[in-house]
Amino acid sequence: MGLLQTVSVADLAIETVARDARVSKATIYRWWDSKGALVIDAFMESHFSNTPMPTAVDPRTAIKRHLTSLAQYFSGRAGKLVVQILCEGHDNDALLAEFNERFAKNRRRLVQETFERGQQEGLFRRGIDAAWAVEMLYSPIYRRLIFGQPLDAEFIELLCGSVDSMFSTDVKSKTSRQKSKA
């Protein structure tokens, strides 16, 4: 991701990557069949290490921590990179399909499995479609990225609060939060 700190996805050239890595273009193309594949790999490597899904805590806490780390990570250069990948994808169906297949689907599946585990443990209501719940939690992050709105502490607090207010089986804690806001 080093070059992507200073160069946009649109302006990134394989020649520059090869020169920076001190290898030939042929070497780059042996590992990646396109610039998009290289960018997605660089993004994914950094993303997964910076936005883990905790396993040593209950699923509700894990999802809140994941959403927090995701919003914080996307507040920096990584968020701009995601928007660039999505923008490039509008003119490049193969790039968008690859990003969706290799990154978005897998990441959503991980969060969905965690949500389903929370349903099995009685932390989340069972009647909620887990895939839709994940969509509802991720969408505000991507919407803010696309429109250049902040992923700040206030947003993170509201997003994590929605995990409880929309999905939790803990009616008492939801009621007390609603009363404290009144």
Protein backbone atom coordinates (compact mmCIF):
# COMPACT_ATOMS: atom_id res chain seq x y z
CA MET A 1 0.00 0.00 0.00
CA GLY A 2 3.04 2.26 0.09
CA LEU A 3 2.60 3.71 -3.39
CA LEU A 4 -1.13 4.00 -2.87
CA GLN A 5 -0.44 6.46 -0.07
CA THR A 6 0.67 9.01 -2.65
CA VAL A 7 -0.78 7.86 -5.98
CA SER A 8 -4.44 7.33 -6.86
CA VAL A 9 -5.63 4.02 -8.25
CA ALA A 10 -6.33 5.71 -11.60
CA ASP A 11 -2.78 7.12 -11.75
CA LEU A 12 -1.00 3.98 -10.55
CA ALA A 13 1.13 2.41 -13.28
CA ILE A 14 2.54 -1.11 -13.21
CA GLU A 15 5.86 0.38 -14.35
CA THR A 16 5.94 2.48 -11.18
CA VAL A 17 5.12 -0.54 -9.02
CA ALA A 18 7.87 -2.57 -10.70
CA ARG A 19 10.41 0.25 -10.33
CA ASP A 20 9.47 0.76 -6.66
CA ALA A 21 9.76 -2.99 -5.98
CA ARG A 22 12.97 -3.21 -8.04
CA VAL A 23 11.58 -5.99 -10.23
CA SER A 24 10.51 -6.24 -13.85
CA LYS A 25 6.99 -5.63 -15.12
CA ALA A 26 6.93 -9.30 -16.12
CA THR A 27 7.48 -10.26 -12.49
CA ILE A 28 4.56 -8.10 -11.41
CA TYR A 29 2.33 -9.65 -14.08
CA ARG A 30 3.38 -13.16 -13.01
CA TRP A 31 1.80 -12.47 -9.62
CA TRP A 32 -1.09 -10.21 -10.65
CA ASP A 33 -2.94 -10.30 -13.95
CA SER A 34 -4.08 -6.69 -13.67
CA LYS A 35 -3.50 -3.44 -11.85
CA GLY A 36 -6.86 -3.94 -10.16
CA ALA A 37 -5.85 -7.34 -8.76
CA LEU A 38 -2.64 -5.84 -7.36
CA VAL A 39 -4.53 -2.93 -5.76
CA ILE A 40 -7.12 -5.27 -4.24
CA ASP A 41 -4.39 -7.53 -2.80
CA ALA A 42 -2.57 -4.55 -1.28
CA PHE A 43 -5.82 -3.23 0.16
CA MET A 44 -6.92 -6.60 1.56
CA GLU A 45 -3.61 -7.33 3.25
CA SER A 46 -3.72 -4.03 5.09
CA HIS A 47 -7.48 -4.15 5.72
CA PHE A 48 -7.62 -7.54 7.43
CA SER A 49 -4.79 -6.73 9.81
CA ASN A 50 -6.37 -3.38 10.74
CA THR A 51 -10.03 -4.43 11.06
CA PRO A 52 -10.08 -7.81 12.78
CA MET A 53 -13.17 -9.67 13.91
CA PRO A 54 -12.39 -10.45 17.55
CA THR A 55 -13.03 -14.06 18.58
CA ALA A 56 -12.29 -13.95 22.32
CA VAL A 57 -15.42 -11.90 23.11
CA ASP A 58 -19.16 -12.36 22.65
CA PRO A 59 -20.52 -11.77 19.11
CA ARG A 60 -22.20 -8.45 19.96
CA THR A 61 -18.96 -7.03 21.36
CA ALA A 62 -17.00 -8.50 18.43
CA ILE A 63 -19.23 -6.79 15.87
CA LYS A 64 -19.04 -3.45 17.72
CA ARG A 65 -15.24 -3.67 17.91
CA HIS A 66 -15.04 -4.62 14.24
CA LEU A 67 -17.27 -1.72 13.19
CA THR A 68 -15.21 0.65 15.35
CA SER A 69 -11.89 -0.51 13.85
CA LEU A 70 -13.39 -0.40 10.35
CA ALA A 71 -14.66 3.17 10.73
CA GLN A 72 -11.36 4.30 12.26
CA TYR A 73 -9.34 2.59 9.53
CA PHE A 74 -11.52 4.00 6.77
CA SER A 75 -11.11 7.49 8.26
CA GLY A 76 -7.64 7.57 6.76
CA ARG A 77 -6.09 6.75 3.41
CA ALA A 78 -7.75 3.32 3.28
CA GLY A 79 -11.18 4.92 3.02
CA LYS A 80 -10.07 7.02 0.09
CA LEU A 81 -8.66 3.89 -1.54
CA VAL A 82 -11.98 2.05 -1.17
CA VAL A 83 -13.81 4.94 -2.82
CA GLN A 84 -11.23 4.96 -5.65
CA ILE A 85 -11.66 1.21 -6.18
CA LEU A 86 -15.44 1.62 -6.29
CA CYS A 87 -15.17 4.58 -8.68
CA GLU A 88 -12.77 2.70 -10.95
CA GLY A 89 -15.19 -0.21 -10.81
CA HIS A 90 -17.96 1.83 -12.39
CA ASP A 91 -15.97 1.83 -15.64
CA ASN A 92 -14.38 -1.57 -15.07
CA ASP A 93 -16.86 -4.38 -14.42
CA ALA A 94 -14.07 -6.91 -13.91
CA LEU A 95 -12.47 -4.82 -11.15
CA LEU A 96 -15.78 -4.31 -9.36
CA ALA A 97 -16.65 -8.01 -9.64
CA GLU A 98 -13.22 -8.99 -8.32
CA PHE A 99 -13.43 -6.54 -5.40
CA ASN A 100 -16.90 -7.81 -4.55
CA GLU A 101 -15.95 -11.48 -4.85
CA ARG A 102 -12.57 -11.40 -3.12
CA PHE A 103 -13.22 -8.73 -0.52
CA ALA A 104 -16.78 -7.62 0.12
CA LYS A 105 -18.52 -11.00 0.03
CA ASN A 106 -15.92 -12.66 2.24
CA ARG A 107 -15.89 -9.84 4.77
CA ARG A 108 -19.67 -9.68 4.93
CA ARG A 109 -19.80 -13.46 5.33
CA LEU A 110 -17.50 -13.24 8.36
CA VAL A 111 -19.67 -10.57 9.99
CA GLN A 112 -22.81 -12.51 9.06
CA GLU A 113 -21.45 -15.67 10.71
CA THR A 114 -20.65 -13.66 13.83
CA PHE A 115 -24.16 -12.19 13.82
CA GLU A 116 -25.68 -15.68 13.41
CA ARG A 117 -23.57 -16.90 16.32
CA GLY A 118 -25.01 -14.00 18.34
CA GLN A 119 -28.50 -15.13 17.38
CA GLN A 120 -27.71 -18.69 18.49
CA GLU A 121 -26.38 -17.36 21.81
CA GLY A 122 -29.51 -15.26 22.33
CA LEU A 123 -27.77 -11.88 21.97
CA PHE A 124 -29.56 -10.92 18.75
CA ARG A 125 -33.20 -11.49 17.85
CA ARG A 126 -33.69 -14.63 15.79
CA GLY A 127 -36.24 -13.26 13.31
CA ILE A 128 -33.71 -10.93 11.68
CA ASP A 129 -32.05 -11.96 8.44
CA ALA A 130 -28.34 -11.90 9.27
CA ALA A 131 -27.25 -10.89 5.75
CA TRP A 132 -29.64 -7.93 5.86
CA ALA A 133 -28.39 -6.95 9.33
CA VAL A 134 -24.82 -6.83 8.00
CA GLU A 135 -25.98 -4.74 5.05
CA MET A 136 -27.66 -2.32 7.47
CA LEU A 137 -24.50 -2.01 9.57
CA TYR A 138 -22.02 -1.61 6.70
CA SER A 139 -24.09 0.69 4.48
CA PRO A 140 -23.77 3.85 6.63
CA ILE A 141 -19.98 3.49 6.58
CA TYR A 142 -19.80 3.21 2.79
CA ARG A 143 -22.37 5.98 2.30
CA ARG A 144 -20.29 8.35 4.43
CA LEU A 145 -17.13 7.36 2.56
CA ILE A 146 -18.70 8.03 -0.82
CA PHE A 147 -20.07 11.42 0.23
CA GLY A 148 -16.96 12.50 2.13
CA GLN A 149 -18.66 12.63 5.51
CA PRO A 150 -16.66 11.96 8.68
CA LEU A 151 -16.36 8.56 10.30
CA ASP A 152 -15.82 10.24 13.65
CA ALA A 153 -16.39 9.20 17.27
CA GLU A 154 -20.00 10.43 17.22
CA PHE A 155 -20.76 8.35 14.12
CA ILE A 156 -19.05 5.28 15.60
CA GLU A 157 -21.06 5.63 18.82
CA LEU A 158 -24.33 5.86 16.86
CA LEU A 159 -23.39 2.93 14.65
CA CYS A 160 -22.41 0.70 17.56
CA GLY A 161 -25.53 1.78 19.44
CA SER A 162 -27.59 0.59 16.50
CA VAL A 163 -26.23 -2.92 17.04
CA ASP A 164 -28.16 -2.91 20.32
CA SER A 165 -31.17 -0.79 19.39
CA MET A 166 -31.99 -2.64 16.16
CA PHE A 167 -30.91 -6.20 16.87
CA SER A 168 -30.38 -6.90 20.57
CA THR A 169 -32.60 -9.18 22.62
CA ASP A 170 -31.71 -7.11 25.70
CA VAL A 171 -34.89 -5.03 25.94
CA LYS A 172 -33.94 -3.60 29.34
CA SER A 173 -30.72 -1.99 28.09
CA LYS A 174 -32.50 -0.58 25.02
CA THR A 175 -35.25 0.91 27.18
CA SER A 176 -32.79 2.51 29.60
CA ARG A 177 -30.82 4.05 26.72
CA GLN A 178 -33.99 5.46 25.20
CA LYS A 179 -35.07 6.95 28.56
CA SER A 180 -31.66 8.53 29.15
CA LYS A 181 -31.91 10.33 25.80
CA ALA A 182 -35.36 11.75 26.62
